Amino acid sequence: MQKVLIFAAGAAAGFVLGTRSGRQTYEKMRHQSLELWHNPTVQEKVSEATETVKDKAPQIQHKVGELAKKATHRSTDTSAPTNGVSLEEAAGRTPTTTEPAAVTTATEGKHSQGPN
């Protein structure tokens, strides 16, 4: 029982000292970050970045909308068979890998019950 009380007292002392030390470190970091945030140079850069984002947002929104329409149009167009051609090649782009595209037949990829 005495060992348990000594352990509990040591844990309590360690907790109190640790939290004070930890709290002091946290407060110091918080104070430094607030000083940095309120620095006029930092605020000037934040304002510049905000203005740039506001100026470019409509252009980016338009481009993203166009890309979304293209992606939606491509994903819904399933009528044309690919005949083993990758999507990049079908779109007129070169594939990003150097390996040749695998050619599949109509029966490959289907699950079978076993050898025929």
Protein backbone atom coordinates (compact mmCIF):
# COMPACT_ATOMS: atom_id res chain seq x y z
CA MET A 1 0.00 0.00 0.00
CA GLN A 2 2.86 2.34 0.81
CA LYS A 3 4.36 1.77 -2.67
CA VAL A 4 1.06 2.70 -4.27
CA LEU A 5 0.85 5.94 -2.28
CA ILE A 6 4.43 6.87 -3.15
CA PHE A 7 3.76 6.11 -6.82
CA ALA A 8 0.54 8.19 -6.77
CA ALA A 9 2.31 11.11 -5.09
CA GLY A 10 5.14 10.95 -7.63
CA ALA A 11 2.66 10.77 -10.51
CA ALA A 12 0.72 13.74 -9.14
CA ALA A 13 3.90 15.80 -8.71
CA GLY A 14 5.07 14.87 -12.20
CA PHE A 15 1.69 15.76 -13.63
CA VAL A 16 1.62 19.18 -11.96
CA LEU A 17 5.20 20.02 -12.93
CA GLY A 18 4.73 18.64 -16.44
CA THR A 19 1.55 20.55 -17.11
CA ARG A 20 3.05 23.78 -15.83
CA SER A 21 6.09 23.30 -18.03
CA GLY A 22 3.95 22.27 -20.97
CA ARG A 23 1.57 25.16 -20.46
CA GLN A 24 4.44 27.65 -20.29
CA THR A 25 5.88 26.29 -23.54
CA TYR A 26 2.46 26.46 -25.18
CA GLU A 27 1.90 30.04 -24.04
CA LYS A 28 5.36 31.04 -25.31
CA MET A 29 4.68 29.50 -28.74
CA ARG A 30 1.23 31.09 -28.87
CA HIS A 31 2.65 34.51 -28.03
CA GLN A 32 5.34 34.21 -30.72
CA SER A 33 2.84 33.10 -33.36
CA LEU A 34 0.53 36.02 -32.54
CA GLU A 35 3.45 38.44 -32.78
CA LEU A 36 4.34 37.00 -36.18
CA TRP A 37 0.74 37.16 -37.38
CA HIS A 38 0.40 40.82 -36.39
CA ASN A 39 3.71 41.75 -38.05
CA PRO A 40 2.99 44.43 -40.72
CA THR A 41 5.07 42.61 -43.34
CA VAL A 42 3.12 39.40 -42.82
CA GLN A 43 -0.20 41.24 -42.96
CA GLU A 44 0.87 42.93 -46.20
CA LYS A 45 1.64 39.55 -47.77
CA VAL A 46 -1.67 38.14 -46.53
CA SER A 47 -3.50 41.06 -48.13
CA GLU A 48 -1.64 40.58 -51.42
CA ALA A 49 -2.44 36.86 -51.44
CA THR A 50 -6.10 37.56 -50.67
CA GLU A 51 -6.34 40.06 -53.55
CA THR A 52 -4.66 37.61 -55.94
CA VAL A 53 -7.10 34.86 -55.00
CA LYS A 54 -10.06 37.22 -55.44
CA ASP A 55 -8.78 38.31 -58.86
CA LYS A 56 -8.08 34.78 -60.13
CA ALA A 57 -11.11 33.00 -58.65
CA PRO A 58 -13.52 33.65 -61.57
CA GLN A 59 -10.94 32.45 -64.12
CA ILE A 60 -10.21 29.31 -62.15
CA GLN A 61 -13.90 28.66 -61.60
CA HIS A 62 -14.51 28.88 -65.35
CA LYS A 63 -11.62 26.51 -66.16
CA VAL A 64 -12.69 23.99 -63.53
CA GLY A 65 -16.26 24.10 -64.86
CA GLU A 66 -15.04 23.38 -68.39
CA LEU A 67 -12.87 20.50 -67.20
CA ALA A 68 -15.76 19.06 -65.21
CA LYS A 69 -18.00 19.17 -68.28
CA LYS A 70 -15.34 17.43 -70.37
CA ALA A 71 -14.84 14.77 -67.71
CA THR A 72 -18.58 14.21 -67.40
CA HIS A 73 -18.97 13.99 -71.16
CA ARG A 74 -16.12 11.47 -71.44
CA SER A 75 -17.39 9.30 -68.60
CA THR A 76 -20.93 9.11 -70.01
CA ASP A 77 -19.78 8.30 -73.57
CA THR A 78 -19.52 4.51 -73.35
CA SER A 79 -20.84 3.75 -76.83
CA ALA A 80 -17.43 3.63 -78.54
CA PRO A 81 -15.33 0.53 -77.85
CA THR A 82 -11.71 1.14 -76.91
CA ASN A 83 -10.30 -2.00 -78.60
CA GLY A 84 -7.47 -2.14 -76.08
CA VAL A 85 -6.54 1.54 -76.49
CA SER A 86 -5.82 3.43 -73.28
CA LEU A 87 -7.84 6.49 -72.37
CA GLU A 88 -4.82 8.76 -72.95
CA GLU A 89 -4.36 7.38 -76.46
CA ALA A 90 -8.07 7.65 -77.19
CA ALA A 91 -7.98 11.29 -76.10
CA GLY A 92 -5.08 11.94 -78.46
CA ARG A 93 -2.42 12.09 -75.77
CA THR A 94 0.55 9.86 -75.40
CA PRO A 95 0.46 7.49 -72.45
CA THR A 96 2.55 8.47 -69.45
CA THR A 97 4.14 5.03 -69.16
CA THR A 98 6.66 3.60 -71.59
CA GLU A 99 5.12 0.14 -71.58
CA PRO A 100 2.93 -0.79 -74.55
CA ALA A 101 -0.79 -0.95 -73.94
CA ALA A 102 -2.12 -4.45 -73.40
CA VAL A 103 -4.51 -5.70 -76.05
CA THR A 104 -7.44 -7.62 -74.68
CA THR A 105 -9.85 -9.88 -76.47
CA ALA A 106 -13.56 -10.10 -75.95
CA THR A 107 -13.24 -13.23 -73.80
CA GLU A 108 -10.42 -12.01 -71.55
CA GLY A 109 -11.37 -10.60 -68.22
CA LYS A 110 -14.53 -12.70 -67.94
CA HIS A 111 -14.74 -15.19 -65.11
CA SER A 112 -14.98 -18.77 -66.18
CA GLN A 113 -16.13 -21.90 -64.41
CA GLY A 114 -12.91 -23.73 -65.30
CA PRO A 115 -11.17 -25.13 -68.39
CA ASN A 116 -13.44 -25.88 -71.36
